[in-house]
Amino acid sequence: MLQASPSPAILIVEDEPKLARLLDDYLTQAGYVVHCVAHGFEVVPWVQQHAPALILLDLMLPGKDGMAVCRELRAFSAVPIIMVTARVEEIDRLLGLELGADDYICKPFSPREVVARVKAVLRRLQPQSPSAASPGGFVLDAQRYCASLDGCPLELTPVEFRLLSTFLTHPGWVFSRSQLVETLYADFRVVSDRTVDSHIKNLRKKIRTIRPEPDVIRSVYGLGYKYEG
């Protein structure tokens, strides 16, 4: 007799007790197993001991803010992170995504919207195939969400992994920034060209640490970017 798959575990990092309980109730009703912590210093040790499917990470936390927590998590984990913030300035959104956040939700929000975003991120990150060789010496492992180049590991954020996968799946294709945004973010958010350019810059930098020349992700003036292995 087959056993049912365990429900995905969601870690809520929120220091407002009423909001944490509200999110807990809605996510539990949606079928998730939920754990809550309220202090920035609690997050990394908890994640190191458990395997959450996704983290809802508030930006403003006691002890250590969400940006610092996100940076520490990305040093050892590719777990999906949705930043929850009352800051709406573009620089905060950009910084959060550059640190490796997969999405962000601005306060105030509907709990139903949070559940929908959680489902969307988990669905988008669902592995479609095992590891496979790609053009130019790249190997992408969709199950573990990791990549390598010429046998050397590439330490990529989830956003950078999806970006590289898009280029390698269609070598030679020219992608506009708007097309890349649609590939990287399922909610069709308004993201500036600067955000896309920052992800490209970071991805190029990591590739160059293994293979300095040539630059395999090339700019096409007035159009966007393409991969040439």
Protein backbone atom coordinates (compact mmCIF):
# COMPACT_ATOMS: atom_id res chain seq x y z
CA MET A 1 0.00 0.00 0.00
CA LEU A 2 1.42 3.35 -1.02
CA GLN A 3 1.90 5.95 1.69
CA ALA A 4 0.76 9.50 1.08
CA SER A 5 3.50 12.00 0.40
CA PRO A 6 4.25 14.23 3.40
CA SER A 7 2.78 17.71 3.27
CA PRO A 8 5.27 20.46 2.42
CA ALA A 9 6.64 22.27 5.47
CA ILE A 10 6.45 26.06 5.54
CA LEU A 11 8.54 28.15 7.93
CA ILE A 12 6.94 31.48 8.87
CA VAL A 13 9.40 34.05 10.22
CA GLU A 14 7.23 36.80 11.67
CA ASP A 15 7.45 38.73 14.94
CA GLU A 16 3.82 39.91 14.96
CA PRO A 17 1.97 37.08 16.80
CA LYS A 18 -1.48 37.84 15.37
CA LEU A 19 -0.18 37.92 11.80
CA ALA A 20 1.86 34.75 12.32
CA ARG A 21 -1.21 32.91 13.66
CA LEU A 22 -3.34 34.16 10.78
CA LEU A 23 -0.84 32.94 8.18
CA ASP A 24 -0.46 29.67 10.09
CA ASP A 25 -4.24 29.09 9.98
CA TYR A 26 -4.56 29.77 6.24
CA LEU A 27 -1.53 27.72 5.24
CA THR A 28 -2.57 24.83 7.47
CA GLN A 29 -6.01 24.85 5.86
CA ALA A 30 -4.27 24.75 2.47
CA GLY A 31 -2.58 21.49 3.48
CA TYR A 32 0.85 22.66 4.60
CA VAL A 33 2.71 21.81 7.79
CA VAL A 34 3.59 25.14 9.40
CA HIS A 35 6.25 26.18 11.90
CA CYS A 36 6.68 29.74 13.18
CA VAL A 37 9.67 31.59 14.61
CA ALA A 38 9.73 35.22 15.69
CA HIS A 39 13.43 36.11 16.03
CA GLY A 40 16.02 36.58 13.32
CA PHE A 41 18.64 34.52 15.13
CA GLU A 42 16.33 31.47 15.24
CA VAL A 43 16.01 31.01 11.48
CA VAL A 44 19.35 29.60 10.33
CA PRO A 45 19.67 27.00 13.13
CA TRP A 46 16.09 25.83 12.48
CA VAL A 47 16.63 25.48 8.74
CA GLN A 48 19.90 23.62 9.30
CA GLN A 49 18.04 21.05 11.40
CA HIS A 50 14.92 20.76 9.26
CA ALA A 51 14.01 20.79 5.58
CA PRO A 52 11.29 23.37 4.92
CA ALA A 53 9.81 23.48 1.45
CA LEU A 54 9.56 27.28 1.62
CA ILE A 55 10.23 30.18 3.99
CA LEU A 56 8.01 33.24 4.48
CA LEU A 57 10.58 35.73 5.76
CA ASP A 58 9.61 39.08 7.26
CA LEU A 59 12.05 41.87 6.51
CA MET A 60 11.86 43.62 9.89
CA LEU A 61 12.82 41.18 12.65
CA PRO A 62 14.30 41.49 16.13
CA GLY A 63 17.93 40.47 16.48
CA LYS A 64 18.73 40.09 12.80
CA ASP A 65 16.79 41.54 9.88
CA GLY A 66 15.40 39.56 6.96
CA MET A 67 18.09 40.71 4.53
CA ALA A 68 20.88 39.37 6.76
CA VAL A 69 18.96 36.13 7.33
CA CYS A 70 18.38 35.68 3.59
CA ARG A 71 22.08 36.22 2.90
CA GLU A 72 23.06 33.59 5.50
CA LEU A 73 20.52 31.08 4.18
CA ARG A 74 21.76 31.44 0.62
CA ALA A 75 25.27 30.53 1.77
CA PHE A 76 24.15 26.92 2.26
CA SER A 77 20.57 26.46 1.03
CA ALA A 78 18.46 27.02 -2.10
CA VAL A 79 15.18 26.75 -0.17
CA PRO A 80 12.56 29.07 -1.76
CA ILE A 81 12.20 32.34 0.15
CA ILE A 82 9.30 34.80 -0.07
CA MET A 83 10.20 38.12 1.54
CA VAL A 84 7.39 39.83 3.46
CA THR A 85 7.90 43.56 3.79
CA ALA A 86 6.23 46.88 4.50
CA ARG A 87 8.96 48.62 2.47
CA VAL A 88 7.82 49.34 -1.06
CA GLU A 89 10.86 51.18 -2.40
CA GLU A 90 12.41 49.60 -5.50
CA ILE A 91 15.86 49.42 -3.91
CA ASP A 92 14.57 47.11 -1.17
CA ARG A 93 12.82 44.87 -3.68
CA LEU A 94 15.92 44.77 -5.87
CA LEU A 95 18.23 44.01 -2.95
CA GLY A 96 15.98 41.25 -1.70
CA LEU A 97 15.90 39.55 -5.09
CA GLU A 98 19.65 39.94 -5.59
CA LEU A 99 20.23 38.20 -2.28
CA GLY A 100 18.33 35.21 -3.60
CA ALA A 101 14.70 35.76 -2.60
CA ASP A 102 12.27 34.07 -4.99
CA ASP A 103 9.38 36.48 -4.49
CA TYR A 104 8.17 39.29 -2.24
CA ILE A 105 4.83 40.32 -0.74
CA CYS A 106 4.16 43.84 0.47
CA LYS A 107 2.15 44.56 3.62
CA PRO A 108 -0.77 44.91 4.00
CA PHE A 109 -1.80 41.77 2.15
CA SER A 110 -4.59 39.22 2.01
CA PRO A 111 -3.76 35.84 3.60
CA ARG A 112 -5.32 34.23 0.52
CA GLU A 113 -2.78 36.09 -1.62
CA VAL A 114 0.03 34.65 0.51
CA VAL A 115 -1.30 31.12 0.05
CA ALA A 116 -1.56 31.71 -3.71
CA ARG A 117 2.02 33.03 -3.85
CA VAL A 118 3.31 30.05 -1.87
CA LYS A 119 1.59 27.65 -4.25
CA ALA A 120 2.90 29.55 -7.28
CA VAL A 121 6.52 29.53 -6.09
CA LEU A 122 6.45 25.84 -5.16
CA ARG A 123 4.82 24.98 -8.48
CA ARG A 124 7.37 27.03 -10.40
CA LEU A 125 10.27 25.35 -8.61
CA GLN A 126 8.93 21.83 -9.00
CA PRO A 127 11.70 19.83 -10.66
CA GLN A 128 10.73 18.64 -14.12
CA SER A 129 13.60 16.29 -14.91
CA PRO A 130 16.75 14.84 -13.34
CA SER A 131 20.21 16.19 -14.00
CA ALA A 132 21.12 16.50 -17.63
CA ALA A 133 24.05 17.72 -19.68
CA SER A 134 23.53 21.06 -21.40
CA PRO A 135 25.49 22.93 -24.06
CA GLY A 136 28.98 24.20 -23.33
CA GLY A 137 29.94 21.92 -20.44
CA PHE A 138 27.07 22.92 -18.16
CA VAL A 139 25.15 20.32 -16.15
CA LEU A 140 21.88 21.29 -14.47
CA ASP A 141 20.33 19.17 -11.72
CA ALA A 142 16.65 20.12 -11.50
CA GLN A 143 15.97 17.85 -8.53
CA ARG A 144 18.63 19.40 -6.31
CA TYR A 145 18.45 22.81 -8.02
CA CYS A 146 22.20 23.00 -8.57
CA ALA A 147 24.50 23.42 -11.55
CA SER A 148 28.08 22.79 -12.57
CA LEU A 149 30.40 23.95 -15.33
CA ASP A 150 33.33 21.84 -16.58
CA GLY A 151 32.89 19.65 -13.51
CA CYS A 152 33.07 22.59 -11.07
CA PRO A 153 30.01 23.53 -8.98
CA LEU A 154 28.24 26.80 -9.75
CA GLU A 155 26.77 28.28 -6.58
CA LEU A 156 23.60 29.82 -8.03
CA THR A 157 20.55 31.35 -6.42
CA PRO A 158 17.19 29.88 -7.55
CA VAL A 159 16.61 32.90 -9.79
CA GLU A 160 20.05 32.52 -11.38
CA PHE A 161 19.43 28.79 -11.87
CA ARG A 162 16.19 29.47 -13.76
CA LEU A 163 17.91 32.18 -15.79
CA LEU A 164 20.75 29.87 -16.83
CA SER A 165 18.28 27.06 -17.60
CA THR A 166 16.34 29.38 -19.90
CA PHE A 167 19.46 30.32 -21.87
CA LEU A 168 20.76 26.75 -22.13
CA THR A 169 17.40 25.39 -23.27
CA HIS A 170 17.40 27.82 -26.19
CA PRO A 171 21.04 28.47 -27.24
CA GLY A 172 21.35 31.33 -29.68
CA TRP A 173 17.90 32.73 -28.94
CA VAL A 174 17.74 36.41 -28.06
CA PHE A 175 15.61 37.06 -24.96
CA SER A 176 14.32 40.52 -24.17
CA ARG A 177 14.28 41.63 -20.55
CA SER A 178 10.48 41.34 -20.44
CA GLN A 179 10.68 37.74 -21.69
CA LEU A 180 13.23 36.90 -19.01
CA VAL A 181 10.99 38.43 -16.33
CA GLU A 182 8.11 36.19 -17.46
CA THR A 183 10.42 33.18 -17.21
CA LEU A 184 11.78 34.08 -13.78
CA TYR A 185 8.62 35.33 -12.09
CA ALA A 186 5.26 33.65 -12.56
CA ASP A 187 3.19 36.58 -11.23
CA PHE A 188 4.07 38.99 -14.08
CA ARG A 189 5.22 41.64 -11.62
CA VAL A 190 6.60 44.97 -12.75
CA VAL A 191 10.37 44.60 -12.45
CA SER A 192 12.86 47.16 -13.67
CA ASP A 193 15.47 46.50 -16.34
CA ARG A 194 18.03 47.07 -13.62
CA THR A 195 16.81 43.98 -11.75
CA VAL A 196 17.24 41.73 -14.81
CA ASP A 197 20.62 43.27 -15.59
CA SER A 198 21.75 42.64 -12.00
CA HIS A 199 20.86 38.95 -12.23
CA ILE A 200 22.71 38.68 -15.56
CA LYS A 201 25.74 40.43 -14.08
CA ASN A 202 25.83 38.09 -11.08
CA LEU A 203 25.42 35.00 -13.27
CA ARG A 204 28.22 36.09 -15.61
CA LYS A 205 30.52 36.76 -12.65
CA LYS A 206 29.99 33.25 -11.27
CA ILE A 207 30.56 31.65 -14.67
CA ARG A 208 33.79 33.65 -15.13
CA THR A 209 35.23 32.28 -11.88
CA ILE A 210 35.34 28.89 -13.64
CA ARG A 211 35.74 29.92 -17.27
CA PRO A 212 37.09 33.47 -17.66
CA GLU A 213 36.76 33.54 -21.46
CA PRO A 214 34.71 33.80 -23.58
CA ASP A 215 31.62 35.48 -22.13
CA VAL A 216 28.91 32.94 -22.99
CA ILE A 217 25.97 35.19 -22.07
CA ARG A 218 26.13 38.08 -24.48
CA SER A 219 24.32 41.38 -24.72
CA VAL A 220 22.49 42.11 -27.95
CA TYR A 221 22.27 45.88 -28.27
CA GLY A 222 18.70 47.15 -28.16
CA LEU A 223 17.23 43.65 -27.83
CA GLY A 224 18.38 41.73 -24.76
CA TYR A 225 20.63 38.75 -24.07
CA LYS A 226 21.51 35.40 -25.60
CA TYR A 227 23.65 32.36 -24.83
CA GLU A 228 26.51 31.41 -27.15
CA GLY A 229 28.57 28.45 -25.97
